Amino acid sequence: MKIAAVCGSGLGSSFMIELNIKTILNQLGISEDVLEVTHFDMGSATSGSADHFFVGQDLAEAAEKLGKEKVTVLNSIIDKAELKEKVTQFLKDQHLLP
């Protein structure tokens, strides 16, 4: 399974979210063999680029092209607690965590 962080330009903020997601997965004991994490800019992201996407609130409307069910919107891209909560919920929804 592959998840992706998406931002407007695909450089700084999406890469930061990617690294934070990888840290969270490591803390939860989820291997990169199970869940690959990457990042894209909104223009390059397509619904087939990943199984699920994490985007900031500012890109929520643009991310609808990826499929609403495949997108988690972050109210704050710098709030690590919110990111951990939403990543954990995604993992539970995918039956990767109890």
PDB file of N, CA and C in Angstrom:
ATOM      1  N   MET A   1       0.848  -1.173   0.000  1.00  0.00           N
ATOM      2  CA  MET A   1       0.000   0.000   0.000  1.00  0.00           C
ATOM      3  C   MET A   1       0.896   1.239   0.000  1.00  0.00           C
ATOM      4  N   LYS A   2       0.423   2.276  -0.657  1.00  0.00           N
ATOM      5  CA  LYS A   2       1.208   3.507  -0.784  1.00  0.00           C
ATOM      6  C   LYS A   2       0.355   4.701  -0.365  1.00  0.00           C
ATOM      7  N   ILE A   3       0.922   5.539   0.505  1.00  0.00           N
ATOM      8  CA  ILE A   3       0.263   6.789   0.865  1.00  0.00           C
ATOM      9  C   ILE A   3       1.173   7.943   0.496  1.00  0.00           C
ATOM     10  N   ALA A   4       0.569   9.106   0.323  1.00  0.00           N
ATOM     11  CA  ALA A   4       1.339  10.259  -0.126  1.00  0.00           C
ATOM     12  C   ALA A   4       0.890  11.531   0.575  1.00  0.00           C
ATOM     13  N   ALA A   5       1.859  12.380   0.820  1.00  0.00           N
ATOM     14  CA  ALA A   5       1.601  13.736   1.282  1.00  0.00           C
ATOM     15  C   ALA A   5       1.603  14.620   0.037  1.00  0.00           C
ATOM     16  N   VAL A   6       0.677  15.560  -0.016  1.00  0.00           N
ATOM     17  CA  VAL A   6       0.560  16.409  -1.196  1.00  0.00           C
ATOM     18  C   VAL A   6       0.510  17.870  -0.764  1.00  0.00           C
ATOM     19  N   CYS A   7       1.280  18.703  -1.468  1.00  0.00           N
ATOM     20  CA  CYS A   7       1.224  20.145  -1.221  1.00  0.00           C
ATOM     21  C   CYS A   7       1.182  20.863  -2.564  1.00  0.00           C
ATOM     22  N   GLY A   8       1.169  22.160  -2.509  1.00  0.00           N
ATOM     23  CA  GLY A   8       1.046  22.951  -3.729  1.00  0.00           C
ATOM     24  C   GLY A   8       2.218  22.818  -4.677  1.00  0.00           C
ATOM     25  N   SER A   9       3.439  22.791  -4.140  1.00  0.00           N
ATOM     26  CA  SER A   9       4.606  22.734  -5.015  1.00  0.00           C
ATOM     27  C   SER A   9       5.368  21.420  -4.917  1.00  0.00           C
ATOM     28  N   GLY A  10       5.044  20.579  -3.969  1.00  0.00           N
ATOM     29  CA  GLY A  10       5.669  19.264  -3.876  1.00  0.00           C
ATOM     30  C   GLY A  10       7.074  19.255  -3.322  1.00  0.00           C
ATOM     31  N   LEU A  11       7.442  20.316  -2.643  1.00  0.00           N
ATOM     32  CA  LEU A  11       8.803  20.382  -2.119  1.00  0.00           C
ATOM     33  C   LEU A  11       8.815  20.358  -0.601  1.00  0.00           C
ATOM     34  N   GLY A  12       8.770  21.500   0.022  1.00  0.00           N
ATOM     35  CA  GLY A  12       8.965  21.594   1.461  1.00  0.00           C
ATOM     36  C   GLY A  12       7.905  20.974   2.333  1.00  0.00           C
ATOM     37  N   SER A  13       6.678  21.436   2.220  1.00  0.00           N
ATOM     38  CA  SER A  13       5.665  20.989   3.180  1.00  0.00           C
ATOM     39  C   SER A  13       5.259  19.533   2.983  1.00  0.00           C
ATOM     40  N   SER A  14       5.134  19.072   1.751  1.00  0.00           N
ATOM     41  CA  SER A  14       4.761  17.668   1.555  1.00  0.00           C
ATOM     42  C   SER A  14       5.898  16.742   1.995  1.00  0.00           C
ATOM     43  N   PHE A  15       7.132  17.170   1.780  1.00  0.00           N
ATOM     44  CA  PHE A  15       8.270  16.366   2.226  1.00  0.00           C
ATOM     45  C   PHE A  15       8.306  16.308   3.753  1.00  0.00           C
ATOM     46  N   MET A  16       8.003  17.426   4.410  1.00  0.00           N
ATOM     47  CA  MET A  16       7.952  17.461   5.874  1.00  0.00           C
ATOM     48  C   MET A  16       6.861  16.506   6.386  1.00  0.00           C
ATOM     49  N   ILE A  17       5.692  16.539   5.756  1.00  0.00           N
ATOM     50  CA  ILE A  17       4.604  15.647   6.160  1.00  0.00           C
ATOM     51  C   ILE A  17       5.012  14.191   5.928  1.00  0.00           C
ATOM     52  N   GLU A  18       5.652  13.919   4.804  1.00  0.00           N
ATOM     53  CA  GLU A  18       6.132  12.557   4.520  1.00  0.00           C
ATOM     54  C   GLU A  18       7.049  12.071   5.639  1.00  0.00           C
ATOM     55  N   LEU A  19       8.019  12.895   6.014  1.00  0.00           N
ATOM     56  CA  LEU A  19       8.947  12.507   7.079  1.00  0.00           C
ATOM     57  C   LEU A  19       8.224  12.295   8.404  1.00  0.00           C
ATOM     58  N   ASN A  20       7.263  13.163   8.708  1.00  0.00           N
ATOM     59  CA  ASN A  20       6.496  13.015   9.952  1.00  0.00           C
ATOM     60  C   ASN A  20       5.645  11.744   9.931  1.00  0.00           C
ATOM     61  N   ILE A  21       5.070  11.413   8.783  1.00  0.00           N
ATOM     62  CA  ILE A  21       4.305  10.168   8.673  1.00  0.00           C
ATOM     63  C   ILE A  21       5.229   8.971   8.882  1.00  0.00           C
ATOM     64  N   LYS A  22       6.414   9.003   8.284  1.00  0.00           N
ATOM     65  CA  LYS A  22       7.371   7.903   8.458  1.00  0.00           C
ATOM     66  C   LYS A  22       7.758   7.736   9.923  1.00  0.00           C
ATOM     67  N   THR A  23       7.927   8.842  10.630  1.00  0.00           N
ATOM     68  CA  THR A  23       8.239   8.782  12.061  1.00  0.00           C
ATOM     69  C   THR A  23       7.093   8.135  12.827  1.00  0.00           C
ATOM     70  N   ILE A  24       5.876   8.533  12.512  1.00  0.00           N
ATOM     71  CA  ILE A  24       4.690   7.963  13.167  1.00  0.00           C
ATOM     72  C   ILE A  24       4.596   6.463  12.889  1.00  0.00           C
ATOM     73  N   LEU A  25       4.783   6.068  11.642  1.00  0.00           N
ATOM     74  CA  LEU A  25       4.712   4.650  11.296  1.00  0.00           C
ATOM     75  C   LEU A  25       5.774   3.853  12.048  1.00  0.00           C
ATOM     76  N   ASN A  26       6.959   4.423  12.157  1.00  0.00           N
ATOM     77  CA  ASN A  26       8.039   3.770  12.898  1.00  0.00           C
ATOM     78  C   ASN A  26       7.642   3.594  14.363  1.00  0.00           C
ATOM     79  N   GLN A  27       7.071   4.636  14.958  1.00  0.00           N
ATOM     80  CA  GLN A  27       6.621   4.565  16.350  1.00  0.00           C
ATOM     81  C   GLN A  27       5.544   3.500  16.542  1.00  0.00           C
ATOM     82  N   LEU A  28       4.711   3.311  15.532  1.00  0.00           N
ATOM     83  CA  LEU A  28       3.614   2.346  15.607  1.00  0.00           C
ATOM     84  C   LEU A  28       4.030   0.940  15.160  1.00  0.00           C
ATOM     85  N   GLY A  29       5.267   0.808  14.725  1.00  0.00           N
ATOM     86  CA  GLY A  29       5.774  -0.501  14.319  1.00  0.00           C
ATOM     87  C   GLY A  29       5.311  -0.945  12.944  1.00  0.00           C
ATOM     88  N   ILE A  30       4.962   0.012  12.079  1.00  0.00           N
ATOM     89  CA  ILE A  30       4.530  -0.308  10.716  1.00  0.00           C
ATOM     90  C   ILE A  30       5.726  -0.163   9.783  1.00  0.00           C
ATOM     91  N   SER A  31       6.094  -1.245   9.140  1.00  0.00           N
ATOM     92  CA  SER A  31       7.260  -1.289   8.269  1.00  0.00           C
ATOM     93  C   SER A  31       6.982  -0.621   6.926  1.00  0.00           C
ATOM     94  N   GLU A  32       8.042  -0.097   6.310  1.00  0.00           N
ATOM     95  CA  GLU A  32       7.907   0.470   4.967  1.00  0.00           C
ATOM     96  C   GLU A  32       7.627  -0.610   3.936  1.00  0.00           C
ATOM     97  N   ASP A  33       7.826  -1.883   4.306  1.00  0.00           N
ATOM     98  CA  ASP A  33       7.445  -2.983   3.423  1.00  0.00           C
ATOM     99  C   ASP A  33       5.929  -3.092   3.332  1.00  0.00           C
ATOM    100  N   VAL A  34       5.247  -2.659   4.395  1.00  0.00           N
ATOM    101  CA  VAL A  34       3.787  -2.727   4.469  1.00  0.00           C
ATOM    102  C   VAL A  34       3.155  -1.474   3.879  1.00  0.00           C
ATOM    103  N   LEU A  35       3.757  -0.322   4.173  1.00  0.00           N
ATOM    104  CA  LEU A  35       3.174   0.958   3.784  1.00  0.00           C
ATOM    105  C   LEU A  35       4.261   1.898   3.289  1.00  0.00           C
ATOM    106  N   GLU A  36       4.287   2.136   2.000  1.00  0.00           N
ATOM    107  CA  GLU A  36       5.246   3.058   1.391  1.00  0.00           C
ATOM    108  C   GLU A  36       4.708   4.479   1.516  1.00  0.00           C
ATOM    109  N   VAL A  37       5.605   5.428   1.811  1.00  0.00           N
ATOM    110  CA  VAL A  37       5.204   6.827   1.942  1.00  0.00           C
ATOM    111  C   VAL A  37       6.015   7.659   0.957  1.00  0.00           C
ATOM    112  N   THR A  38       5.331   8.574   0.273  1.00  0.00           N
ATOM    113  CA  THR A  38       5.987   9.453  -0.684  1.00  0.00           C
ATOM    114  C   THR A  38       5.327  10.823  -0.639  1.00  0.00           C
ATOM    115  N   HIS A  39       5.722  11.719  -1.529  1.00  0.00           N
ATOM    116  CA  HIS A  39       5.087  13.034  -1.596  1.00  0.00           C
ATOM    117  C   HIS A  39       5.004  13.509  -3.045  1.00  0.00           C
ATOM    118  N   PHE A  40       4.023  14.366  -3.288  1.00  0.00           N
ATOM    119  CA  PHE A  40       3.775  14.913  -4.618  1.00  0.00           C
ATOM    120  C   PHE A  40       3.353  16.375  -4.501  1.00  0.00           C
ATOM    121  N   ASP A  41       3.451  17.081  -5.635  1.00  0.00           N
ATOM    122  CA  ASP A  41       2.769  18.369  -5.735  1.00  0.00           C
ATOM    123  C   ASP A  41       1.387  18.079  -6.304  1.00  0.00           C
ATOM    124  N   MET A  42       0.453  18.969  -6.053  1.00  0.00           N
ATOM    125  CA  MET A  42      -0.934  18.737  -6.460  1.00  0.00           C
ATOM    126  C   MET A  42      -1.052  18.517  -7.962  1.00  0.00           C
ATOM    127  N   GLY A  43      -0.253  19.206  -8.752  1.00  0.00           N
ATOM    128  CA  GLY A  43      -0.331  19.045 -10.200  1.00  0.00           C
ATOM    129  C   GLY A  43       0.106  17.677 -10.686  1.00  0.00           C
ATOM    130  N   SER A  44       1.004  17.027  -9.961  1.00  0.00           N
ATOM    131  CA  SER A  44       1.503  15.709 -10.358  1.00  0.00           C
ATOM    132  C   SER A  44       0.704  14.553  -9.780  1.00  0.00           C
ATOM    133  N   ALA A  45      -0.025  14.799  -8.698  1.00  0.00           N
ATOM    134  CA  ALA A  45      -0.778  13.731  -8.032  1.00  0.00           C
ATOM    135  C   ALA A  45      -1.989  13.333  -8.860  1.00  0.00           C
ATOM    136  N   THR A  46      -2.154  12.040  -9.039  1.00  0.00           N
ATOM    137  CA  THR A  46      -3.337  11.493  -9.694  1.00  0.00           C
ATOM    138  C   THR A  46      -3.929  10.434  -8.770  1.00  0.00           C
ATOM    139  N   SER A  47      -5.148  10.060  -9.005  1.00  0.00           N
ATOM    140  CA  SER A  47      -5.790   9.081  -8.128  1.00  0.00           C
ATOM    141  C   SER A  47      -5.029   7.762  -8.109  1.00  0.00           C
ATOM    142  N   GLY A  48      -4.289   7.468  -9.159  1.00  0.00           N
ATOM    143  CA  GLY A  48      -3.499   6.241  -9.214  1.00  0.00           C
ATOM    144  C   GLY A  48      -2.101   6.360  -8.628  1.00  0.00           C
ATOM    145  N   SER A  49      -1.707   7.563  -8.223  1.00  0.00           N
ATOM    146  CA  SER A  49      -0.363   7.777  -7.676  1.00  0.00           C
ATOM    147  C   SER A  49      -0.149   7.103  -6.332  1.00  0.00           C
ATOM    148  N   ALA A  50      -1.232   6.974  -5.561  1.00  0.00           N
ATOM    149  CA  ALA A  50      -1.160   6.376  -4.227  1.00  0.00           C
ATOM    150  C   ALA A  50      -2.547   5.851  -3.855  1.00  0.00           C
ATOM    151  N   ASP A  51      -2.556   5.044  -2.799  1.00  0.00           N
ATOM    152  CA  ASP A  51      -3.822   4.507  -2.310  1.00  0.00           C
ATOM    153  C   ASP A  51      -4.558   5.501  -1.419  1.00  0.00           C
ATOM    154  N   HIS A  52      -3.794   6.419  -0.806  1.00  0.00           N
ATOM    155  CA  HIS A  52      -4.395   7.425   0.070  1.00  0.00           C
ATOM    156  C   HIS A  52      -3.487   8.656   0.100  1.00  0.00           C
ATOM    157  N   PHE A  53      -4.111   9.819   0.308  1.00  0.00           N
ATOM    158  CA  PHE A  53      -3.390  11.092   0.280  1.00  0.00           C
ATOM    159  C   PHE A  53      -3.692  11.902   1.535  1.00  0.00           C
ATOM    160  N   PHE A  54      -2.670  12.585   2.041  1.00  0.00           N
ATOM    161  CA  PHE A  54      -2.820  13.527   3.149  1.00  0.00           C
ATOM    162  C   PHE A  54      -2.511  14.907   2.605  1.00  0.00           C
ATOM    163  N   VAL A  55      -3.471  15.833   2.748  1.00  0.00           N
ATOM    164  CA  VAL A  55      -3.317  17.187   2.202  1.00  0.00           C
ATOM    165  C   VAL A  55      -3.691  18.220   3.258  1.00  0.00           C
ATOM    166  N   GLY A  56      -3.151  19.410   3.113  1.00  0.00           N
ATOM    167  CA  GLY A  56      -3.524  20.523   3.979  1.00  0.00           C
ATOM    168  C   GLY A  56      -4.888  21.055   3.602  1.00  0.00           C
ATOM    169  N   GLN A  57      -5.501  21.743   4.548  1.00  0.00           N
ATOM    170  CA  GLN A  57      -6.842  22.321   4.353  1.00  0.00           C
ATOM    171  C   GLN A  57      -6.896  23.210   3.111  1.00  0.00           C
ATOM    172  N   ASP A  58      -5.811  23.902   2.824  1.00  0.00           N
ATOM    173  CA  ASP A  58      -5.783  24.810   1.676  1.00  0.00           C
ATOM    174  C   ASP A  58      -5.926  24.092   0.334  1.00  0.00           C
ATOM    175  N   LEU A  59      -5.667  22.794   0.311  1.00  0.00           N
ATOM    176  CA  LEU A  59      -5.750  22.030  -0.935  1.00  0.00           C
ATOM    177  C   LEU A  59      -6.924  21.051  -0.961  1.00  0.00           C
ATOM    178  N   ALA A  60      -7.790  21.132   0.026  1.00  0.00           N
ATOM    179  CA  ALA A  60      -8.891  20.176   0.139  1.00  0.00           C
ATOM    180  C   ALA A  60      -9.757  20.150  -1.122  1.00  0.00           C
ATOM    181  N   GLU A  61     -10.107  21.305  -1.621  1.00  0.00           N
ATOM    182  CA  GLU A  61     -10.963  21.361  -2.805  1.00  0.00           C
ATOM    183  C   GLU A  61     -10.245  20.793  -4.031  1.00  0.00           C
ATOM    184  N   ALA A  62      -8.998  21.168  -4.214  1.00  0.00           N
ATOM    185  CA  ALA A  62      -8.229  20.672  -5.361  1.00  0.00           C
ATOM    186  C   ALA A  62      -8.015  19.162  -5.270  1.00  0.00           C
ATOM    187  N   ALA A  63      -7.923  18.644  -4.048  1.00  0.00           N
ATOM    188  CA  ALA A  63      -7.671  17.210  -3.847  1.00  0.00           C
ATOM    189  C   ALA A  63      -8.885  16.351  -4.147  1.00  0.00           C
ATOM    190  N   GLU A  64     -10.039  16.962  -4.341  1.00  0.00           N
ATOM    191  CA  GLU A  64     -11.235  16.186  -4.670  1.00  0.00           C
ATOM    192  C   GLU A  64     -11.040  15.387  -5.950  1.00  0.00           C
ATOM    193  N   LYS A  65     -10.161  15.854  -6.826  1.00  0.00           N
ATOM    194  CA  LYS A  65      -9.883  15.126  -8.073  1.00  0.00           C
ATOM    195  C   LYS A  65      -9.253  13.760  -7.809  1.00  0.00           C
ATOM    196  N   LEU A  66      -8.688  13.582  -6.615  1.00  0.00           N
ATOM    197  CA  LEU A  66      -8.044  12.319  -6.255  1.00  0.00           C
ATOM    198  C   LEU A  66      -9.048  11.293  -5.737  1.00  0.00           C
ATOM    199  N   GLY A  67     -10.247  11.746  -5.442  1.00  0.00           N
ATOM    200  CA  GLY A  67     -11.289  10.886  -4.888  1.00  0.00           C
ATOM    201  C   GLY A  67     -11.452  11.170  -3.410  1.00  0.00           C
ATOM    202  N   LYS A  68     -12.625  11.663  -3.022  1.00  0.00           N
ATOM    203  CA  LYS A  68     -12.844  12.081  -1.633  1.00  0.00           C
ATOM    204  C   LYS A  68     -12.515  10.986  -0.636  1.00  0.00           C
ATOM    205  N   GLU A  69     -12.838   9.734  -0.969  1.00  0.00           N
ATOM    206  CA  GLU A  69     -12.595   8.632  -0.053  1.00  0.00           C
ATOM    207  C   GLU A  69     -11.104   8.311   0.098  1.00  0.00           C
ATOM    208  N   LYS A  70     -10.274   8.858  -0.780  1.00  0.00           N
ATOM    209  CA  LYS A  70      -8.842   8.594  -0.744  1.00  0.00           C
ATOM    210  C   LYS A  70      -8.038   9.730  -0.119  1.00  0.00           C
ATOM    211  N   VAL A  71      -8.715  10.734   0.424  1.00  0.00           N
ATOM    212  CA  VAL A  71      -8.031  11.927   0.921  1.00  0.00           C
ATOM    213  C   VAL A  71      -8.344  12.178   2.386  1.00  0.00           C
ATOM    214  N   THR A  72      -7.294  12.445   3.160  1.00  0.00           N
ATOM    215  CA  THR A  72      -7.450  12.928   4.526  1.00  0.00           C
ATOM    216  C   THR A  72      -6.955  14.363   4.553  1.00  0.00           C
ATOM    217  N   VAL A  73      -7.819  15.260   5.008  1.00  0.00           N
ATOM    218  CA  VAL A  73      -7.481  16.682   5.068  1.00  0.00           C
ATOM    219  C   VAL A  73      -6.949  17.012   6.453  1.00  0.00           C
ATOM    220  N   LEU A  74      -5.802  17.684   6.481  1.00  0.00           N
ATOM    221  CA  LEU A  74      -5.184  18.123   7.731  1.00  0.00           C
ATOM    222  C   LEU A  74      -5.532  19.584   7.973  1.00  0.00           C
ATOM    223  N   ASN A  75      -6.070  19.876   9.144  1.00  0.00           N
ATOM    224  CA  ASN A  75      -6.374  21.266   9.482  1.00  0.00           C
ATOM    225  C   ASN A  75      -5.099  22.088   9.586  1.00  0.00           C
ATOM    226  N   SER A  76      -4.025  21.459  10.082  1.00  0.00           N
ATOM    227  CA  SER A  76      -2.730  22.122  10.209  1.00  0.00           C
ATOM    228  C   SER A  76      -1.648  21.136   9.797  1.00  0.00           C
ATOM    229  N   ILE A  77      -0.851  21.499   8.816  1.00  0.00           N
ATOM    230  CA  ILE A  77       0.195  20.585   8.352  1.00  0.00           C
ATOM    231  C   ILE A  77       1.370  20.507   9.322  1.00  0.00           C
ATOM    232  N   ILE A  78       1.417  21.400  10.299  1.00  0.00           N
ATOM    233  CA  ILE A  78       2.519  21.365  11.271  1.00  0.00           C
ATOM    234  C   ILE A  78       2.120  20.759  12.611  1.00  0.00           C
ATOM    235  N   ASP A  79       0.860  20.399  12.753  1.00  0.00           N
ATOM    236  CA  ASP A  79       0.373  19.809  14.005  1.00  0.00           C
ATOM    237  C   ASP A  79       0.635  18.311  13.991  1.00  0.00           C
ATOM    238  N   LYS A  80       1.710  17.899  14.662  1.00  0.00           N
ATOM    239  CA  LYS A  80       2.099  16.493  14.667  1.00  0.00           C
ATOM    240  C   LYS A  80       1.079  15.620  15.391  1.00  0.00           C
ATOM    241  N   ALA A  81       0.422  16.160  16.407  1.00  0.00           N
ATOM    242  CA  ALA A  81      -0.596  15.389  17.143  1.00  0.00           C
ATOM    243  C   ALA A  81      -1.782  15.082  16.227  1.00  0.00           C
ATOM    244  N   GLU A  82      -2.227  16.081  15.463  1.00  0.00           N
ATOM    245  CA  GLU A  82      -3.328  15.859  14.524  1.00  0.00           C
ATOM    246  C   GLU A  82      -2.925  14.831  13.467  1.00  0.00           C
ATOM    247  N   LEU A  83      -1.708  14.964  12.943  1.00  0.00           N
ATOM    248  CA  LEU A  83      -1.236  14.029  11.925  1.00  0.00           C
ATOM    249  C   LEU A  83      -1.206  12.611  12.485  1.00  0.00           C
ATOM    250  N   LYS A  84      -0.696  12.444  13.697  1.00  0.00           N
ATOM    251  CA  LYS A  84      -0.637  11.112  14.292  1.00  0.00           C
ATOM    252  C   LYS A  84      -2.039  10.543  14.484  1.00  0.00           C
ATOM    253  N   GLU A  85      -2.957  11.370  14.930  1.00  0.00           N
ATOM    254  CA  GLU A  85      -4.341  10.926  15.113  1.00  0.00           C
ATOM    255  C   GLU A  85      -4.946  10.460  13.798  1.00  0.00           C
ATOM    256  N   LYS A  86      -4.738  11.227  12.741  1.00  0.00           N
ATOM    257  CA  LYS A  86      -5.347  10.902  11.451  1.00  0.00           C
ATOM    258  C   LYS A  86      -4.649   9.728  10.767  1.00  0.00           C
ATOM    259  N   VAL A  87      -3.346   9.623  10.911  1.00  0.00           N
ATOM    260  CA  VAL A  87      -2.627   8.466  10.358  1.00  0.00           C
ATOM    261  C   VAL A  87      -3.054   7.201  11.098  1.00  0.00           C
ATOM    262  N   THR A  88      -3.146   7.283  12.418  1.00  0.00           N
ATOM    263  CA  THR A  88      -3.570   6.134  13.227  1.00  0.00           C
ATOM    264  C   THR A  88      -4.975   5.696  12.830  1.00  0.00           C
ATOM    265  N   GLN A  89      -5.883   6.644  12.644  1.00  0.00           N
ATOM    266  CA  GLN A  89      -7.245   6.294  12.226  1.00  0.00           C
ATOM    267  C   GLN A  89      -7.237   5.644  10.852  1.00  0.00           C
ATOM    268  N   PHE A  90      -6.438   6.170   9.935  1.00  0.00           N
ATOM    269  CA  PHE A  90      -6.330   5.569   8.602  1.00  0.00           C
ATOM    270  C   PHE A  90      -5.849   4.124   8.714  1.00  0.00           C
ATOM    271  N   LEU A  91      -4.834   3.890   9.536  1.00  0.00           N
ATOM    272  CA  LEU A  91      -4.295   2.539   9.710  1.00  0.00           C
ATOM    273  C   LEU A  91      -5.346   1.595  10.303  1.00  0.00           C
ATOM    274  N   LYS A  92      -6.123   2.086  11.247  1.00  0.00           N
ATOM    275  CA  LYS A  92      -7.202   1.283  11.820  1.00  0.00           C
ATOM    276  C   LYS A  92      -8.258   0.969  10.761  1.00  0.00           C
ATOM    277  N   ASP A  93      -8.612   1.957   9.953  1.00  0.00           N
ATOM    278  CA  ASP A  93      -9.601   1.769   8.897  1.00  0.00           C
ATOM    279  C   ASP A  93      -9.126   0.738   7.877  1.00  0.00           C
ATOM    280  N   GLN A  94      -7.803   0.663   7.676  1.00  0.00           N
ATOM    281  CA  GLN A  94      -7.215  -0.285   6.719  1.00  0.00           C
ATOM    282  C   GLN A  94      -6.888  -1.627   7.373  1.00  0.00           C
ATOM    283  N   HIS A  95      -7.244  -1.760   8.643  1.00  0.00           N
ATOM    284  CA  HIS A  95      -6.993  -2.981   9.410  1.00  0.00           C
ATOM    285  C   HIS A  95      -5.504  -3.296   9.549  1.00  0.00           C
ATOM    286  N   LEU A  96      -4.689  -2.229   9.578  1.00  0.00           N
ATOM    287  CA  LEU A  96      -3.259  -2.391   9.801  1.00  0.00           C
ATOM    288  C   LEU A  96      -2.895  -2.199  11.278  1.00  0.00           C
ATOM    289  N   LEU A  97      -3.854  -1.700  12.041  1.00  0.00           N
ATOM    290  CA  LEU A  97      -3.733  -1.556  13.499  1.00  0.00           C
ATOM    291  C   LEU A  97      -5.038  -2.038  14.119  1.00  0.00           C
ATOM    292  N   PRO A  98      -4.938  -2.584  15.331  1.00  0.00           N
ATOM    293  CA  PRO A  98      -6.178  -3.005  16.022  1.00  0.00           C
ATOM    294  C   PRO A  98      -7.002  -1.815  16.479  1.00  0.00           C
TER     295      PRO A  98
END
